[in-house]
Protein backbone atom coordinates (compact mmCIF):
# COMPACT_ATOMS: atom_id res chain seq x y z
CA MET A 1 -102.94 -35.18 95.75
CA LYS A 2 -104.11 -31.68 94.83
CA LYS A 3 -103.72 -30.37 91.25
CA LYS A 4 -101.74 -27.28 91.14
CA THR A 5 -103.28 -24.26 89.47
CA ARG A 6 -101.95 -21.63 87.55
CA ASN A 7 -102.00 -18.32 89.52
CA LYS A 8 -103.10 -15.10 87.92
CA PHE A 9 -102.23 -11.85 89.55
CA SER A 10 -103.85 -8.60 89.16
CA ILE A 11 -101.59 -5.39 88.77
CA LYS A 12 -102.50 -4.41 92.17
CA GLU A 13 -101.53 -7.81 93.71
CA LYS A 14 -98.15 -7.71 91.70
CA GLU A 15 -97.55 -4.22 93.01
CA ARG A 16 -98.30 -5.43 96.65
CA ILE A 17 -95.86 -8.33 96.36
CA VAL A 18 -93.09 -6.18 94.60
CA LEU A 19 -93.38 -3.73 97.54
CA SER A 20 -93.36 -6.30 100.15
CA PHE A 21 -90.16 -7.57 98.58
CA LEU A 22 -88.44 -4.07 98.26
CA GLU A 23 -89.55 -2.98 101.71
CA GLU A 24 -88.54 -6.19 103.61
CA GLY A 25 -85.45 -6.55 101.77
CA SER A 26 -84.43 -9.40 103.83
CA ASP A 27 -86.74 -12.08 102.18
CA SER A 28 -85.46 -13.73 99.14
CA TYR A 29 -87.14 -14.35 95.89
CA HIS A 30 -87.82 -17.82 96.83
CA SER A 31 -89.10 -17.17 100.12
CA ILE A 32 -91.72 -14.59 98.76
CA ALA A 33 -92.63 -17.13 96.05
CA ARG A 34 -93.32 -19.59 98.39
CA LYS A 35 -95.62 -17.15 100.48
CA TYR A 36 -97.57 -16.35 97.41
CA ASN A 37 -97.44 -19.79 95.80
CA THR A 38 -95.72 -18.89 92.61
CA SER A 39 -92.32 -18.80 90.76
CA HIS A 40 -89.31 -17.22 92.19
CA ARG A 41 -88.40 -16.18 88.59
CA LEU A 42 -91.73 -14.59 88.18
CA ILE A 43 -91.27 -12.45 91.52
CA SER A 44 -87.83 -11.33 90.17
CA LEU A 45 -89.07 -10.37 86.68
CA TRP A 46 -91.86 -8.41 88.38
CA VAL A 47 -89.31 -6.53 90.77
CA ASP A 48 -86.82 -5.83 88.02
CA SER A 49 -89.54 -4.50 85.74
CA TYR A 50 -90.87 -2.19 88.61
CA LYS A 51 -87.56 -0.77 89.15
CA VAL A 52 -87.27 0.02 85.53
CA HIS A 53 -90.81 1.10 84.42
CA GLY A 54 -92.68 1.45 87.83
CA LYS A 55 -96.20 0.25 88.04
CA SER A 56 -96.67 0.01 84.48
CA GLY A 57 -93.84 -2.36 84.19
CA LEU A 58 -96.12 -5.15 85.99
CA SER A 59 -98.36 -5.22 82.76
CA PHE A 60 -96.63 -7.38 80.03
CA LYS A 61 -98.20 -6.76 76.54
CA ASN A 62 -98.44 -10.38 75.14
CA ASP A 63 -101.67 -9.68 73.32
CA LEU A 64 -100.02 -7.38 70.71
CA SER A 65 -98.68 -8.64 67.51
CA TYR A 66 -95.08 -7.83 66.62
CA THR A 67 -93.48 -7.36 63.18
CA GLY A 68 -90.66 -9.58 61.85
CA GLU A 69 -88.38 -6.67 61.98
CA PHE A 70 -89.00 -5.99 65.47
CA LYS A 71 -88.56 -9.55 66.55
CA LEU A 72 -85.25 -9.80 64.51
CA LYS A 73 -83.95 -6.34 66.04
CA LEU A 74 -84.48 -7.80 69.66
CA LEU A 75 -82.81 -10.99 68.93
CA GLN A 76 -79.94 -9.19 67.36
CA GLU A 77 -79.76 -6.86 70.32
CA MET A 78 -79.89 -9.88 72.81
CA ASN A 79 -76.87 -11.27 70.75
CA SER A 80 -74.84 -8.31 70.25
CA ASP A 81 -75.21 -6.74 73.86
CA GLY A 82 -74.98 -10.09 75.53
CA LEU A 83 -78.46 -9.69 77.24
CA SER A 84 -80.60 -12.71 78.74
CA LEU A 85 -84.14 -13.39 77.95
CA HIS A 86 -84.90 -11.68 81.38
CA GLN A 87 -83.10 -8.53 80.75
CA LEU A 88 -84.58 -8.14 77.48
CA SER A 89 -87.85 -8.91 78.92
CA VAL A 90 -87.67 -6.10 81.53
CA LYS A 91 -86.39 -3.58 78.89
CA TYR A 92 -89.37 -4.22 76.53
CA LEU A 93 -92.08 -5.61 78.75
CA ILE A 94 -92.43 -8.81 76.75
CA SER A 95 -92.76 -12.02 78.54
CA PRO A 96 -89.82 -14.24 78.53
CA SER A 97 -91.53 -17.09 77.07
CA LEU A 98 -92.48 -15.22 74.05
CA LEU A 99 -88.89 -14.02 73.66
CA SER A 100 -87.86 -17.56 74.03
CA THR A 101 -90.29 -18.87 71.28
CA TRP A 102 -88.86 -16.25 68.95
CA LYS A 103 -85.38 -17.36 69.75
CA ARG A 104 -86.08 -21.00 69.10
CA GLU A 105 -87.76 -20.29 66.06
CA TYR A 106 -85.03 -18.16 64.74
CA LYS A 107 -82.34 -20.97 65.63
CA GLU A 108 -84.60 -23.65 63.74
CA GLY A 109 -85.96 -21.69 60.86
CA GLY A 110 -83.64 -18.66 60.33
CA ALA A 111 -84.91 -14.96 60.01
CA THR A 112 -87.52 -15.68 57.46
CA VAL A 113 -89.68 -17.69 60.19
CA LEU A 114 -90.05 -14.46 62.08
CA PHE A 115 -91.66 -12.80 59.27
CA MET A 116 -94.31 -15.18 58.72
CA ASP A 117 -97.75 -14.62 59.91
CA LYS A 118 -99.12 -17.17 62.21
CA ARG A 119 -102.84 -17.85 62.74
CA LYS A 120 -103.94 -17.21 66.32
CA GLY A 121 -106.01 -19.50 68.46
CA ARG A 122 -106.80 -23.09 68.09
CA PRO A 123 -105.84 -24.97 65.11
CA LEU A 124 -108.68 -25.80 62.71
CA LYS A 125 -110.33 -29.14 62.90
CA ALA A 126 -109.75 -31.27 59.72
CA LYS A 127 -112.66 -31.32 57.37
CA SER A 128 -114.84 -34.56 57.37
CA LYS A 129 -113.83 -36.97 54.67
CA GLN A 130 -117.17 -38.79 54.90
CA ARG A 131 -118.51 -37.31 51.68
CA THR A 132 -115.48 -37.96 49.43
CA THR A 133 -114.89 -41.53 51.00
CA GLN A 134 -118.47 -42.16 49.92
CA LYS A 135 -117.97 -41.05 46.40
CA SER A 136 -114.57 -42.80 46.17
CA SER A 137 -115.87 -46.06 47.62
CA LEU A 138 -118.81 -46.01 45.03
CA GLY A 139 -116.32 -45.35 42.38
CA ASN A 140 -113.99 -48.07 43.59
CA GLU A 141 -117.13 -50.54 43.86
CA GLU A 142 -118.05 -49.73 40.24
CA ARG A 143 -114.53 -50.29 38.93
CA LEU A 144 -114.20 -53.50 40.78
CA ILE A 145 -117.52 -54.87 39.39
CA LYS A 146 -116.56 -53.92 35.87
CA GLU A 147 -113.02 -55.61 36.39
CA ASN A 148 -114.67 -58.69 37.89
CA GLU A 149 -117.08 -58.97 34.87
CA LEU A 150 -114.17 -58.56 32.40
CA LEU A 151 -112.26 -61.44 34.32
CA ARG A 152 -115.30 -63.68 34.27
CA ALA A 153 -115.64 -63.19 30.35
CA GLU A 154 -111.98 -63.65 29.81
CA ASN A 155 -112.19 -66.92 32.11
CA ASP A 156 -115.09 -68.06 30.14
CA TYR A 157 -113.39 -67.46 26.80
CA LEU A 158 -110.28 -69.46 27.85
CA LYS A 159 -112.47 -72.39 29.00
CA LYS A 160 -114.27 -72.53 25.68
CA LEU A 161 -110.98 -72.17 23.74
CA GLN A 162 -109.64 -75.17 25.82
CA ALA A 163 -112.71 -77.21 25.27
CA LEU A 164 -112.53 -76.66 21.30
CA ILE A 165 -108.86 -77.58 21.38
CA GLN A 166 -109.77 -80.77 23.17
CA ASN A 167 -112.41 -81.67 20.90
CA GLN A 168 -110.48 -81.26 17.81
CA LYS A 169 -107.78 -83.74 19.26
């Protein structure tokens, strides 16, 4: 079975797809999506964004960083006006997946989560604990050796004490 790869469309390709949908009119989002091997929701998002913003509506700005106030304002607008993620996405040219992430975070952690700065990119790898493990293992070995010596001395003392007691009897 062939692995499905993610399609990335240039703005020209998006415009061509949107115009073919608008001009033909008879094709559904599903048929256009099948024709171009993509999602019908994506096609509908492009069409709606193109209707509202023109060609510039086909470029979503996910590389920007947004303030907590802006995120909160969008989520409040969505709730108060009864807008869907799709409608809000078309209005502000922000991907629905990003809006969905904000909505989920807001639901789970409240408004303060939206104001926290997040580190971009791949998470850092954990630092190697090899050095600290070696130091602690040496410390543990030394401690165990001392403890062992003390127990031996105590054992020898008790044996001598028992031998003296038996000699006196």
